[in-house]
Protein backbone atom coordinates (compact mmCIF):
# COMPACT_ATOMS: atom_id res chain seq x y z
CA MET A 1 -17.97 7.84 7.16
CA GLN A 2 -19.51 10.47 9.31
CA GLN A 3 -21.02 13.65 7.77
CA ASN A 4 -19.22 15.85 10.19
CA ASP A 5 -15.98 14.39 9.04
CA ILE A 6 -16.69 15.01 5.53
CA GLN A 7 -17.83 18.63 6.29
CA THR A 8 -14.57 19.24 8.27
CA ILE A 9 -12.37 17.98 5.45
CA LYS A 10 -14.32 19.89 2.91
CA GLN A 11 -13.86 23.11 4.85
CA LEU A 12 -10.12 22.48 5.32
CA VAL A 13 -9.69 22.06 1.66
CA ASP A 14 -11.76 24.84 0.70
CA GLU A 15 -9.55 27.15 2.87
CA ALA A 16 -6.22 25.85 1.75
CA LYS A 17 -4.33 26.52 -1.47
CA THR A 18 -1.09 24.35 -1.29
CA ILE A 19 -1.95 20.77 -0.18
CA LEU A 20 0.67 18.09 0.68
CA ILE A 21 -0.33 14.55 -0.23
CA ILE A 22 1.60 12.02 1.83
CA GLN A 23 2.30 8.33 1.47
CA ALA A 24 3.76 5.98 3.99
CA ASP A 25 7.37 4.82 3.60
CA ASN A 26 6.15 1.51 2.09
CA PRO A 27 4.16 2.82 -1.08
CA ASP A 28 2.02 0.42 -2.94
CA GLY A 29 -0.54 0.37 -5.89
CA ASP A 30 -3.33 1.77 -3.64
CA SER A 31 -1.30 4.53 -1.93
CA LEU A 32 0.30 5.87 -5.25
CA ALA A 33 -2.90 5.60 -7.22
CA SER A 34 -4.95 7.17 -4.57
CA SER A 35 -2.41 9.93 -4.25
CA LEU A 36 -2.48 10.54 -7.95
CA ALA A 37 -6.42 10.52 -7.99
CA LEU A 38 -6.42 13.03 -5.06
CA GLU A 39 -3.88 15.23 -6.88
CA GLN A 40 -6.19 15.32 -9.92
CA ILE A 41 -9.20 16.13 -7.77
CA LEU A 42 -7.50 19.00 -6.02
CA HIS A 43 -6.24 20.45 -9.35
CA LYS A 44 -9.89 20.46 -10.48
CA LEU A 45 -10.69 22.39 -7.32
CA GLY A 46 -8.11 25.07 -8.16
CA LYS A 47 -5.70 23.85 -5.49
CA GLU A 48 -1.87 23.23 -5.77
CA PRO A 49 -1.31 19.55 -4.68
CA ILE A 50 2.34 18.39 -3.90
CA MET A 51 2.83 14.58 -3.49
CA TYR A 52 5.40 13.25 -0.93
CA CYS A 53 6.86 9.94 0.02
CA GLY A 54 9.82 9.31 2.12
CA VAL A 55 11.22 6.71 -0.20
CA ASP A 56 11.55 6.31 -3.97
CA MET A 57 8.54 4.86 -5.86
CA PRO A 58 9.28 1.07 -6.60
CA SER A 59 9.97 0.24 -10.26
CA TYR A 60 6.83 -1.97 -10.64
CA LEU A 61 4.62 1.09 -9.87
CA ARG A 62 6.10 3.31 -12.53
CA TYR A 63 3.58 2.31 -15.24
CA LEU A 64 1.36 4.92 -13.40
CA SER A 65 1.64 8.15 -15.20
CA GLY A 66 2.56 10.89 -12.68
CA TRP A 67 4.65 8.67 -10.30
CA ASP A 68 7.71 10.84 -11.02
CA ARG A 69 5.86 13.73 -9.44
CA VAL A 70 6.28 12.21 -5.99
CA SER A 71 9.04 13.94 -4.08
CA ASN A 72 11.00 12.46 -1.32
CA GLU A 73 11.77 15.93 0.02
CA LEU A 74 9.22 17.51 2.29
CA PRO A 75 8.37 21.01 1.10
CA THR A 76 8.82 23.91 3.61
CA SER A 77 5.58 25.60 2.64
CA PHE A 78 2.07 24.24 2.40
CA ASP A 79 -1.31 25.01 3.92
CA MET A 80 -2.44 21.54 5.05
CA SER A 81 -1.55 17.87 4.44
CA ILE A 82 -3.55 14.64 3.56
CA ILE A 83 -2.11 11.38 4.45
CA VAL A 84 -3.27 8.49 2.43
CA ASP A 85 -3.45 4.80 2.94
CA THR A 86 -1.90 4.75 6.34
CA SER A 87 -2.92 5.56 9.96
CA SER A 88 0.38 4.47 11.40
CA VAL A 89 2.91 7.02 12.53
CA LYS A 90 5.52 4.21 12.48
CA LEU A 91 5.16 4.27 8.73
CA LEU A 92 6.18 7.85 8.40
CA GLU A 93 9.55 6.91 9.82
CA LYS A 94 11.68 9.25 7.57
CA LEU A 95 9.72 12.27 8.76
CA GLY A 96 10.11 11.20 12.29
CA THR A 97 13.83 10.64 11.96
CA GLU A 98 14.23 14.04 10.34
CA GLY A 99 12.10 15.65 13.03
CA LYS A 100 9.63 16.86 10.50
CA LEU A 101 6.48 15.31 11.90
CA GLY A 102 5.94 18.46 13.86
CA TRP A 103 5.62 20.31 10.65
CA LEU A 104 2.52 18.23 9.80
CA GLY A 105 1.27 18.64 13.34
CA ALA A 106 1.48 22.50 13.00
CA LYS A 107 -0.92 22.69 10.14
CA PRO A 108 -4.44 21.06 9.57
CA CYS A 109 -3.89 17.33 8.65
CA VAL A 110 -6.47 14.65 7.28
CA VAL A 111 -5.85 11.11 7.37
CA LEU A 112 -7.62 8.76 4.90
CA ASP A 113 -7.12 5.17 5.28
CA HIS A 114 -8.64 1.67 5.44
CA HIS A 115 -6.12 -0.23 7.46
CA GLN A 116 -7.18 -1.54 11.01
CA THR A 117 -4.87 -0.18 13.61
CA THR A 118 -4.55 -2.06 16.86
CA GLU A 119 -2.22 0.09 18.85
CA ALA A 120 -3.37 3.47 20.18
CA SER A 121 0.31 4.60 20.40
CA ASP A 122 0.56 3.95 16.73
CA LYS A 123 -2.21 6.37 15.75
CA ILE A 124 -1.34 9.69 14.05
CA GLU A 125 -2.56 11.77 17.03
CA PHE A 126 -2.03 15.19 15.45
CA ALA A 127 -4.61 14.58 12.68
CA THR A 128 -7.40 17.30 12.45
CA ALA A 129 -9.88 14.91 10.55
CA TYR A 130 -9.49 11.14 10.61
CA ILE A 131 -11.39 8.76 8.34
CA ASN A 132 -10.33 5.08 8.66
CA ASP A 133 -12.93 2.55 7.25
CA PRO A 134 -11.63 -1.04 7.20
CA ALA A 135 -14.86 -1.95 5.54
CA VAL A 136 -13.85 -0.59 2.18
CA SER A 137 -11.52 -2.35 -0.18
CA SER A 138 -8.92 0.30 -0.46
CA THR A 139 -8.13 3.90 0.08
CA GLY A 140 -9.04 4.55 -3.52
CA GLU A 141 -12.76 3.40 -2.80
CA LEU A 142 -12.77 5.55 0.35
CA LEU A 143 -11.47 8.59 -1.70
CA TYR A 144 -14.23 7.95 -4.21
CA LYS A 145 -16.86 7.97 -1.55
CA LEU A 146 -15.43 11.01 0.05
CA ALA A 147 -15.33 12.89 -3.26
CA ARG A 148 -18.81 11.98 -4.06
CA GLN A 149 -20.19 13.11 -0.79
CA ALA A 150 -18.13 16.32 -0.62
CA GLY A 151 -19.35 17.31 -4.10
CA TRP A 152 -15.73 17.09 -5.74
CA ASP A 153 -15.47 16.21 -9.36
CA VAL A 154 -14.06 12.80 -10.31
CA ASP A 155 -13.01 12.91 -13.90
CA ASN A 156 -11.73 10.13 -15.96
CA ILE A 157 -8.23 10.91 -15.04
CA ALA A 158 -8.94 10.56 -11.30
CA GLY A 159 -11.38 7.65 -12.08
CA GLU A 160 -8.69 5.63 -13.70
CA PHE A 161 -6.34 6.04 -10.71
CA ILE A 162 -9.28 5.17 -8.28
CA MET A 163 -10.07 2.02 -10.29
CA THR A 164 -6.30 1.07 -10.29
CA ALA A 165 -6.21 1.61 -6.46
CA ILE A 166 -9.14 -0.63 -5.96
CA LEU A 167 -7.75 -3.35 -8.26
CA SER A 168 -4.37 -3.23 -6.50
CA ASP A 169 -5.54 -3.94 -3.03
CA SER A 170 -8.33 -6.24 -3.86
CA GLN A 171 -5.92 -8.27 -6.08
CA GLY A 172 -8.02 -7.62 -9.17
CA LEU A 173 -11.26 -8.05 -7.21
CA THR A 174 -10.31 -11.63 -6.30
CA ASN A 175 -9.99 -11.38 -2.47
CA SER A 176 -12.70 -10.78 0.12
CA LEU A 177 -11.72 -7.01 0.45
CA ALA A 178 -13.90 -6.53 -2.64
CA THR A 179 -17.55 -6.12 -1.43
CA ALA A 180 -20.81 -5.48 -3.18
CA GLU A 181 -20.18 -1.72 -2.70
CA THR A 182 -16.75 -1.99 -4.21
CA TYR A 183 -18.39 -3.55 -7.40
CA ARG A 184 -20.92 -0.84 -7.46
CA VAL A 185 -18.13 1.79 -7.34
CA MET A 186 -16.43 -0.08 -10.21
CA ALA A 187 -19.59 -0.07 -12.06
CA GLU A 188 -19.99 3.62 -11.80
CA LEU A 189 -16.43 4.33 -12.83
CA THR A 190 -17.02 2.05 -15.83
CA GLU A 191 -20.14 3.92 -16.72
CA ALA A 192 -18.38 7.24 -16.55
CA GLY A 193 -15.84 5.92 -19.10
CA VAL A 194 -13.02 4.37 -17.25
CA ASP A 195 -11.57 1.56 -19.35
CA ARG A 196 -10.62 -1.38 -17.12
CA PRO A 197 -9.13 -3.58 -20.06
CA LEU A 198 -6.92 -0.51 -21.05
CA LEU A 199 -5.65 -0.15 -17.44
CA GLU A 200 -4.78 -3.80 -17.41
CA GLU A 201 -2.97 -3.58 -20.70
CA LYS A 202 -0.88 -0.59 -19.53
CA ARG A 203 0.12 -2.67 -16.34
CA ARG A 204 0.98 -5.76 -18.32
CA GLU A 205 2.97 -3.71 -20.84
CA PHE A 206 5.23 -2.19 -18.16
CA GLY A 207 5.56 -5.53 -16.46
CA LYS A 208 7.07 -7.09 -19.20
CA MET A 209 10.47 -8.65 -18.18
CA THR A 210 13.96 -8.90 -19.97
CA GLN A 211 15.45 -12.28 -20.47
CA ALA A 212 17.88 -11.57 -17.50
CA ILE A 213 14.79 -11.00 -15.16
CA PHE A 214 13.10 -14.01 -16.58
CA ARG A 215 16.04 -16.23 -15.73
CA TYR A 216 16.23 -14.51 -12.34
CA LYS A 217 12.63 -15.41 -11.73
CA ALA A 218 13.49 -19.00 -12.32
CA GLU A 219 16.26 -18.79 -9.64
CA LEU A 220 13.87 -17.43 -7.24
CA ILE A 221 11.44 -20.08 -7.83
CA ALA A 222 14.04 -22.68 -7.31
CA ARG A 223 15.07 -21.03 -3.90
CA THR A 224 11.54 -20.86 -2.51
CA GLN A 225 10.92 -22.89 0.60
CA PHE A 226 7.83 -24.46 1.91
CA ALA A 227 6.82 -24.79 5.59
CA SER A 228 3.63 -25.58 7.72
CA ASP A 229 2.63 -28.53 5.46
CA GLY A 230 3.02 -26.36 2.37
CA ARG A 231 0.79 -23.63 3.56
CA ILE A 232 3.69 -21.14 3.89
CA ALA A 233 6.10 -20.34 1.20
CA TYR A 234 9.01 -18.14 1.67
CA LEU A 235 12.53 -16.97 0.33
CA ALA A 236 15.14 -14.34 0.97
CA ILE A 237 16.78 -11.86 -1.33
CA PRO A 238 20.15 -10.63 -0.35
CA GLN A 239 21.28 -7.02 -0.81
CA LYS A 240 23.50 -7.87 -3.70
CA GLU A 241 20.44 -9.16 -5.84
CA ILE A 242 18.37 -6.26 -4.52
CA ILE A 243 20.96 -3.69 -5.87
CA GLU A 244 21.30 -5.67 -9.16
CA TYR A 245 17.59 -6.46 -9.95
CA SER A 246 15.46 -4.14 -8.20
CA PRO A 247 15.92 -1.14 -10.74
CA GLN A 248 14.45 -3.48 -13.25
CA TYR A 249 11.88 -5.45 -11.37
CA ASN A 250 11.16 -5.72 -7.67
CA PRO A 251 11.80 -9.26 -6.59
CA ALA A 252 8.72 -9.52 -4.36
CA PRO A 253 6.02 -8.78 -6.87
CA LEU A 254 8.03 -10.66 -9.52
CA ILE A 255 7.55 -13.91 -7.68
CA GLN A 256 4.69 -13.59 -5.10
CA PRO A 257 1.83 -14.09 -7.73
CA ASP A 258 3.28 -17.31 -8.89
CA ILE A 259 3.96 -18.55 -5.32
CA LEU A 260 0.32 -17.88 -4.44
CA GLN A 261 -0.78 -19.98 -7.45
CA THR A 262 0.99 -23.08 -5.96
CA GLU A 263 -1.30 -25.59 -4.78
CA GLY A 264 -1.87 -25.60 -0.97
CA VAL A 265 -0.06 -22.18 -0.44
CA ALA A 266 -2.05 -19.85 1.85
CA VAL A 267 0.87 -17.37 2.55
CA ALA A 268 3.97 -16.12 0.64
CA VAL A 269 6.54 -14.20 2.36
CA VAL A 270 9.65 -12.55 0.61
CA PHE A 271 12.33 -11.39 2.89
CA LYS A 272 14.97 -8.89 1.94
CA GLN A 273 18.26 -8.85 3.86
CA TYR A 274 20.21 -5.65 3.86
CA ASP A 275 23.79 -5.02 4.97
CA GLY A 276 23.72 -3.40 8.47
CA GLY A 277 21.27 -5.89 9.94
CA ARG A 278 17.95 -4.54 8.33
CA VAL A 279 15.49 -7.35 7.37
CA THR A 280 12.14 -6.51 5.60
CA ALA A 281 9.32 -8.77 4.68
CA ALA A 282 6.46 -8.53 2.09
CA ILE A 283 3.46 -10.63 2.98
CA ARG A 284 0.89 -11.76 0.54
CA CYS A 285 -2.03 -14.20 1.34
CA ASN A 286 -4.49 -16.15 -0.66
CA ASN A 287 -8.10 -15.47 -0.54
CA GLY A 288 -9.73 -17.10 2.62
CA PHE A 289 -6.41 -16.78 4.63
CA ALA A 290 -6.71 -13.33 5.89
CA ILE A 291 -3.79 -13.30 8.22
CA GLY A 292 -1.41 -10.58 6.72
CA ASP A 293 -2.16 -7.88 8.99
CA LYS A 294 -1.88 -9.82 12.22
CA LEU A 295 1.36 -11.42 10.92
CA ALA A 296 2.86 -8.11 10.16
CA GLU A 297 1.69 -6.44 13.34
CA HIS A 298 3.42 -9.15 15.37
CA PHE A 299 6.73 -7.77 14.07
CA GLY A 300 5.86 -4.08 14.35
CA GLY A 301 4.69 -3.64 10.79
CA GLY A 302 1.15 -3.12 9.34
CA GLY A 303 -0.94 -3.59 6.20
CA HIS A 304 -4.35 -5.31 5.55
CA ALA A 305 -5.32 -8.99 5.69
CA TYR A 306 -4.11 -9.98 2.35
CA ALA A 307 -1.10 -7.61 1.78
CA SER A 308 1.14 -6.48 4.53
CA GLY A 309 4.78 -6.10 5.46
CA PHE A 310 7.37 -5.31 8.19
CA LYS A 311 10.98 -4.52 8.85
CA LYS A 312 13.32 -5.20 11.59
CA THR A 313 16.38 -3.08 12.27
CA ASP A 314 17.45 -4.31 15.63
CA GLY A 315 20.04 -6.77 14.30
CA THR A 316 18.14 -9.78 14.71
CA SER A 317 19.35 -12.43 12.35
CA LEU A 318 17.41 -13.34 9.22
CA GLU A 319 17.17 -16.98 10.30
CA SER A 320 15.56 -16.05 13.63
CA ILE A 321 13.11 -13.68 11.92
CA GLN A 322 12.20 -16.35 9.27
CA ALA A 323 11.54 -19.01 12.15
CA GLU A 324 9.51 -16.79 14.31
CA CYS A 325 7.62 -15.66 11.18
CA ILE A 326 6.80 -19.31 10.09
CA LYS A 327 5.92 -20.27 13.67
CA TYR A 328 3.51 -17.33 14.09
CA ALA A 329 1.98 -17.61 10.65
CA THR A 330 1.34 -21.37 11.41
CA THR A 331 -0.46 -20.44 14.72
CA LEU A 332 -2.59 -17.78 12.74
CA LEU A 333 -3.52 -20.24 10.10
CA ASP A 334 -4.33 -22.97 12.69
CA ASN A 335 -6.45 -20.53 14.45
CA LEU A 336 -8.44 -19.86 11.13
CA ASP A 337 -9.11 -23.63 10.79
CA LYS A 338 -10.77 -23.52 14.32
CA GLU A 339 -13.11 -20.63 13.43
């Protein structure tokens, strides 16, 4: 994190009043928690933050207090924007489709991210300041470091959200995204009064499932298929089930943690098949099998090494996408074995 970038961002924030906080069209625990932490930090600075995301917040994230303040309508009046947890213009698809990316480009724009981008054409070129550090565990950790160096107050409310963001992307500090520096940040947040057990209790309480979801989970387990000598596990969710069950519990986070607990599984992929030919994929990887970002990028998606995703809207069949995904994931895993 360069000092001149920090000073540029600090000056932009100092000069702004209404600040738009933007997540990509595929929100996750890191993006939402980082947005909520930034909202609190900006409030403490006397600013008027507005949170935006092009899609509704997934049900599994709604245990985070304040999720309902995220609007999927872009405001017409703001002084600057801060895009969190993405450096990819492709993941701001709704704004592009609606012709509103120019609105962001016309005002100062800051990008805060930790995802490695591989295509120059995918970069958010209109950003005034750009901090992308793949060495940090999460955008939450990046935000904490920025706040400390900029002299912004991180109170317990913001600290809880930052800790949640870190735990989300590091899978509870279990994957290699968590570095020694990550643990230092966690220690500082704990010393400041953030209660990690309480955060986990809130998450688990909200994550409780109804009997119907419990039985549906059993169906998903029974439908899970294995490939590449058991290293890849995958299944597909048709639109009918998405409509029926997603309002109660997103099928991907419902099943993927259990899939990754299966002996020999390195990668778990949950496909969703929508009417009209759209197919999405949520990719999660076990520690030591850091291929998620490369696998998603192969299909035009993105993310980081352990959690990523992509979508296809060109009418390619689910079967073809699954076959190509398994083939390429196998190649990536084989290449890991050779390293």
